[in-house]
């Protein structure tokens, strides 16, 4: 399990937010104190123009990268949610289409759908937070496939509904596969390294502006550090759609159980 996923799993989002804000403010104050302690103010003021030009270039590059990562993370989160809804919709379609089949097939299929849905909600959803899948759910889905594989439609109406149900089975399997992949597929470690390095570089540049008031300098540097830290926290929360306080809930599957 990736380290970032462990953070989301074992630390609630509110305490994690507080810790990140404290760390960002503390690091800003410490870094600024060191620069003020060992670098003369006069030297820093002499290079304010150069520092400002370089800071603008670094901040622009990092802002573009950060915006791109936030958008991609949110799109991945939204895509995972859409596939969860797609999986549930396939189950609903199979459940409703079963009304066209004979009673033994219909009752067995509806029972298997409820079994699969109950396992997903009560067992597999907690496992998704760790990037794992339930073998029981996989076996329940295999039984649904086996039921269709071994059934021979008898009437013309059954043949029509049977042919329409097969694509739903494929969509169901694909949606499930993507849901499981999304539960464990976060940002690459090298991307987190780039984001962390860019944050440190951007914030560190604020320490080297010449200023006569330490408290004002601390406030400005801390505000920038907190803003960047909160954006990185948003990326972290969206990285794993089924882990942490901000996650996709199995509400659409619970509705199927009550059919």
Protein backbone atom coordinates (compact mmCIF):
# COMPACT_ATOMS: atom_id res chain seq x y z
CA UNK A 1 0.00 0.00 0.00
CA UNK A 2 1.44 3.45 -0.95
CA UNK A 3 2.45 5.77 1.89
CA UNK A 4 -0.04 8.45 0.84
CA UNK A 5 -2.87 5.90 0.96
CA UNK A 6 -1.81 4.89 4.48
CA UNK A 7 -2.03 8.55 5.54
CA UNK A 8 -5.60 8.78 4.29
CA UNK A 9 -6.51 5.42 5.82
CA UNK A 10 -5.18 5.95 9.34
CA UNK A 11 -5.47 9.74 9.83
CA UNK A 12 -8.91 11.41 9.56
CA UNK A 13 -9.08 14.32 7.14
CA UNK A 14 -9.65 17.06 9.76
CA UNK A 15 -6.68 16.14 12.01
CA UNK A 16 -4.59 15.67 8.86
CA UNK A 17 -5.55 19.15 7.66
CA UNK A 18 -4.64 20.66 11.02
CA UNK A 19 -1.28 18.87 11.06
CA UNK A 20 -0.48 20.03 7.53
CA UNK A 21 -1.35 23.65 8.34
CA UNK A 22 0.77 23.56 11.51
CA UNK A 23 3.66 21.99 9.62
CA UNK A 24 3.43 24.58 6.81
CA UNK A 25 3.36 27.54 9.21
CA UNK A 26 6.12 26.05 11.39
CA UNK A 27 8.40 25.38 8.43
CA UNK A 28 7.84 28.91 7.11
CA UNK A 29 8.65 30.48 10.47
CA UNK A 30 11.74 28.31 10.94
CA UNK A 31 13.10 28.95 7.46
CA UNK A 32 12.47 32.67 7.69
CA UNK A 33 14.08 32.86 11.13
CA UNK A 34 17.24 31.15 9.83
CA UNK A 35 17.50 33.54 6.86
CA UNK A 36 16.92 36.60 9.06
CA UNK A 37 19.48 35.31 11.56
CA UNK A 38 22.35 34.68 9.15
CA UNK A 39 21.74 36.87 6.07
CA UNK A 40 22.00 40.68 6.41
CA UNK A 41 18.86 42.64 5.53
CA UNK A 42 20.86 45.06 3.40
CA UNK A 43 22.14 42.28 1.17
CA UNK A 44 18.65 40.91 0.61
CA UNK A 45 17.22 44.34 -0.23
CA UNK A 46 19.92 44.88 -2.85
CA UNK A 47 18.72 41.77 -4.74
CA UNK A 48 14.97 42.23 -4.37
CA UNK A 49 14.48 42.82 -8.11
CA UNK A 50 16.43 39.70 -9.09
CA UNK A 51 14.75 37.62 -6.39
CA UNK A 52 11.34 38.84 -7.49
CA UNK A 53 12.00 37.96 -11.14
CA UNK A 54 13.20 34.45 -10.33
CA UNK A 55 10.39 33.93 -7.81
CA UNK A 56 7.81 34.92 -10.44
CA UNK A 57 9.20 32.39 -12.93
CA UNK A 58 9.36 29.58 -10.35
CA UNK A 59 5.89 30.36 -8.98
CA UNK A 60 4.39 30.44 -12.49
CA UNK A 61 5.90 27.07 -13.44
CA UNK A 62 4.80 25.49 -10.18
CA UNK A 63 1.29 26.96 -10.42
CA UNK A 64 0.81 25.47 -13.88
CA UNK A 65 2.01 22.07 -12.69
CA UNK A 66 -0.13 22.22 -9.56
CA UNK A 67 -3.24 23.20 -11.49
CA UNK A 68 -2.68 20.36 -13.94
CA UNK A 69 -2.30 17.78 -11.16
CA UNK A 70 -5.39 19.04 -9.32
CA UNK A 71 -7.52 18.83 -12.47
CA UNK A 72 -6.25 15.34 -13.34
CA UNK A 73 -6.80 14.12 -9.76
CA UNK A 74 -10.35 15.46 -9.70
CA UNK A 75 -11.09 13.93 -13.12
CA UNK A 76 -9.82 10.55 -11.93
CA UNK A 77 -12.00 10.81 -8.81
CA UNK A 78 -15.02 11.73 -10.90
CA UNK A 79 -14.29 8.94 -13.38
CA UNK A 80 -14.12 6.37 -10.57
CA UNK A 81 -17.50 7.61 -9.32
CA UNK A 82 -19.00 7.31 -12.80
CA UNK A 83 -17.82 3.70 -13.09
CA UNK A 84 -19.32 2.88 -9.69
CA UNK A 85 -22.64 4.24 -10.93
CA UNK A 86 -22.21 2.36 -14.20
CA UNK A 87 -21.64 -0.91 -12.34
CA UNK A 88 -24.73 -0.35 -10.22
CA UNK A 89 -26.80 0.57 -13.28
CA UNK A 90 -25.77 -2.67 -14.99
CA UNK A 91 -26.95 -4.65 -11.96
CA UNK A 92 -30.26 -2.78 -11.97
CA UNK A 93 -30.73 -3.45 -15.69
CA UNK A 94 -30.03 -7.16 -15.23
CA UNK A 95 -32.42 -7.29 -12.28
CA UNK A 96 -35.26 -5.64 -14.21
CA UNK A 97 -34.63 -7.58 -17.41
CA UNK A 98 -34.92 -10.83 -15.47
CA UNK A 99 -38.70 -10.32 -15.38
CA UNK A 100 -38.81 -11.57 -18.98
CA UNK A 101 -37.32 -14.97 -18.10
CA UNK A 102 -38.78 -18.10 -16.54
CA UNK A 103 -39.35 -18.14 -12.78
CA UNK A 104 -36.43 -20.44 -11.79
CA UNK A 105 -33.91 -18.38 -13.77
CA UNK A 106 -35.42 -15.08 -12.61
CA UNK A 107 -35.36 -15.96 -8.91
CA UNK A 108 -31.85 -17.40 -9.03
CA UNK A 109 -30.48 -14.38 -10.91
CA UNK A 110 -32.06 -11.88 -8.54
CA UNK A 111 -30.69 -13.82 -5.58
CA UNK A 112 -27.18 -13.80 -7.06
CA UNK A 113 -27.40 -10.06 -7.79
CA UNK A 114 -28.39 -9.35 -4.19
CA UNK A 115 -25.62 -11.62 -2.92
CA UNK A 116 -23.04 -9.82 -5.04
CA UNK A 117 -24.34 -6.40 -4.03
CA UNK A 118 -24.38 -7.29 -0.31
CA UNK A 119 -20.78 -8.53 -0.47
CA UNK A 120 -19.66 -5.37 -2.27
CA UNK A 121 -21.35 -3.08 0.27
CA UNK A 122 -20.62 -4.97 3.49
CA UNK A 123 -17.19 -6.42 2.78
CA UNK A 124 -15.47 -5.23 -0.38
CA UNK A 125 -16.03 -1.50 0.12
CA UNK A 126 -13.88 -1.48 3.27
CA UNK A 127 -11.26 -3.49 1.42
CA UNK A 128 -11.18 -0.90 -1.39
CA UNK A 129 -9.79 1.60 1.13
CA UNK A 130 -6.67 -0.62 1.19
CA UNK A 131 -6.65 -1.20 -2.56
CA UNK A 132 -7.92 -4.76 -2.22
CA UNK A 133 -10.82 -6.72 -3.70
CA UNK A 134 -13.09 -9.39 -2.24
CA UNK A 135 -12.69 -12.89 -3.62
CA UNK A 136 -16.27 -13.55 -2.47
CA UNK A 137 -17.52 -10.74 -4.71
CA UNK A 138 -15.48 -12.08 -7.61
CA UNK A 139 -16.98 -15.55 -7.07
CA UNK A 140 -20.52 -14.12 -6.87
CA UNK A 141 -19.97 -12.34 -10.18
CA UNK A 142 -18.62 -15.56 -11.68
CA UNK A 143 -21.85 -17.32 -10.66
CA UNK A 144 -23.90 -14.67 -12.45
CA UNK A 145 -21.83 -15.25 -15.57
CA UNK A 146 -22.22 -18.99 -15.19
CA UNK A 147 -25.99 -18.67 -14.89
CA UNK A 148 -26.21 -16.83 -18.21
CA UNK A 149 -23.69 -19.14 -19.86
CA UNK A 150 -25.68 -22.25 -19.02
CA UNK A 151 -29.12 -20.85 -19.83
CA UNK A 152 -30.86 -21.48 -23.13
CA UNK A 153 -33.60 -18.93 -23.97
CA UNK A 154 -36.82 -20.63 -24.98
CA UNK A 155 -39.26 -17.97 -26.19
CA UNK A 156 -38.68 -15.12 -28.59
CA UNK A 157 -39.08 -12.62 -25.78
CA UNK A 158 -36.43 -14.40 -23.72
CA UNK A 159 -34.04 -14.36 -26.68
CA UNK A 160 -34.45 -10.60 -27.09
CA UNK A 161 -33.86 -9.82 -23.40
CA UNK A 162 -31.05 -12.37 -23.21
CA UNK A 163 -29.18 -10.74 -26.11
CA UNK A 164 -29.61 -7.33 -24.46
CA UNK A 165 -28.37 -8.62 -21.10
CA UNK A 166 -25.03 -9.98 -22.38
CA UNK A 167 -23.56 -6.50 -23.13
CA UNK A 168 -24.63 -5.45 -19.62
CA UNK A 169 -22.62 -8.35 -18.20
CA UNK A 170 -19.52 -7.18 -20.06
CA UNK A 171 -20.07 -3.61 -18.88
CA UNK A 172 -20.54 -4.88 -15.32
CA UNK A 173 -17.26 -6.77 -15.37
CA UNK A 174 -15.38 -3.85 -16.92
CA UNK A 175 -16.81 -1.33 -14.44
CA UNK A 176 -15.85 -3.58 -11.54
CA UNK A 177 -12.32 -4.00 -12.88
CA UNK A 178 -11.81 -0.25 -13.23
CA UNK A 179 -13.27 0.36 -9.75
CA UNK A 180 -10.70 -1.98 -8.23
CA UNK A 181 -7.84 -0.50 -10.26
CA UNK A 182 -8.79 3.03 -9.25
CA UNK A 183 -8.76 2.01 -5.58
CA UNK A 184 -5.01 1.36 -5.72
CA UNK A 185 -3.76 3.51 -8.59
CA UNK A 186 -2.50 6.85 -7.20
CA UNK A 187 0.08 9.38 -8.31
CA UNK A 188 3.53 8.08 -9.08
CA UNK A 189 6.14 8.73 -6.31
CA UNK A 190 8.23 10.81 -8.72
CA UNK A 191 5.27 13.17 -9.18
CA UNK A 192 4.92 13.61 -5.43
CA UNK A 193 8.65 14.34 -5.26
CA UNK A 194 8.30 17.03 -7.93
CA UNK A 195 5.28 18.55 -6.17
CA UNK A 196 7.05 18.58 -2.79
CA UNK A 197 10.27 20.01 -4.24
CA UNK A 198 8.34 22.68 -6.13
CA UNK A 199 6.47 23.65 -2.97
CA UNK A 200 9.71 23.96 -0.97
CA UNK A 201 11.38 25.97 -3.73
CA UNK A 202 8.45 28.35 -4.13
CA UNK A 203 8.05 28.95 -0.41
CA UNK A 204 11.80 29.25 0.18
CA UNK A 205 12.10 32.09 -2.32
CA UNK A 206 9.86 34.22 -0.10
CA UNK A 207 12.54 34.07 2.64
CA UNK A 208 15.03 35.99 0.52
CA UNK A 209 13.04 39.17 -0.01
CA UNK A 210 14.41 42.14 1.90
CA UNK A 211 11.95 43.28 4.58
CA UNK A 212 12.20 45.38 7.74
CA UNK A 213 9.29 43.79 9.65
CA UNK A 214 9.73 40.15 10.61
CA UNK A 215 6.12 39.59 11.68
CA UNK A 216 4.73 40.85 8.36
CA UNK A 217 7.21 38.72 6.47
CA UNK A 218 6.20 35.64 8.49
CA UNK A 219 2.50 36.23 7.83
CA UNK A 220 2.98 36.53 4.06
CA UNK A 221 5.26 33.50 3.81
CA UNK A 222 2.94 31.44 6.01
CA UNK A 223 -0.14 32.31 3.98
CA UNK A 224 1.56 31.14 0.79
CA UNK A 225 2.77 27.96 2.50
CA UNK A 226 -0.70 27.15 3.85
CA UNK A 227 -2.36 27.73 0.46
CA UNK A 228 0.10 25.41 -1.28
CA UNK A 229 -0.22 22.82 1.50
CA UNK A 230 -4.02 22.82 1.28
CA UNK A 231 -3.91 22.36 -2.50
CA UNK A 232 -1.54 19.42 -2.05
CA UNK A 233 -3.95 18.04 0.55
CA UNK A 234 -6.76 18.25 -2.00
CA UNK A 235 -4.61 16.28 -4.47
CA UNK A 236 -3.96 13.72 -1.74
CA UNK A 237 -7.66 13.35 -0.91
CA UNK A 238 -8.61 12.85 -4.56
CA UNK A 239 -5.70 10.48 -5.24
CA UNK A 240 -7.49 7.41 -3.86
CA UNK A 241 -11.27 7.67 -4.47
CA UNK A 242 -12.19 4.97 -1.94
CA UNK A 243 -9.84 5.90 0.91
CA UNK A 244 -10.06 8.60 3.58
CA UNK A 245 -12.71 11.06 4.66
CA UNK A 246 -13.42 12.28 1.13
CA UNK A 247 -14.34 9.11 -0.71
CA UNK A 248 -16.99 7.51 -2.88
CA UNK A 249 -19.73 5.86 -0.85
CA UNK A 250 -21.64 2.69 -1.89
CA UNK A 251 -25.04 4.38 -1.76
CA UNK A 252 -26.05 3.30 -5.28
CA UNK A 253 -25.37 -0.33 -4.35
CA UNK A 254 -27.40 -0.12 -1.13
CA UNK A 255 -30.44 0.85 -3.17
CA UNK A 256 -30.17 -2.41 -5.15
CA UNK A 257 -30.33 -4.51 -1.96
CA UNK A 258 -33.77 -3.04 -1.22
CA UNK A 259 -35.24 -4.09 -4.59
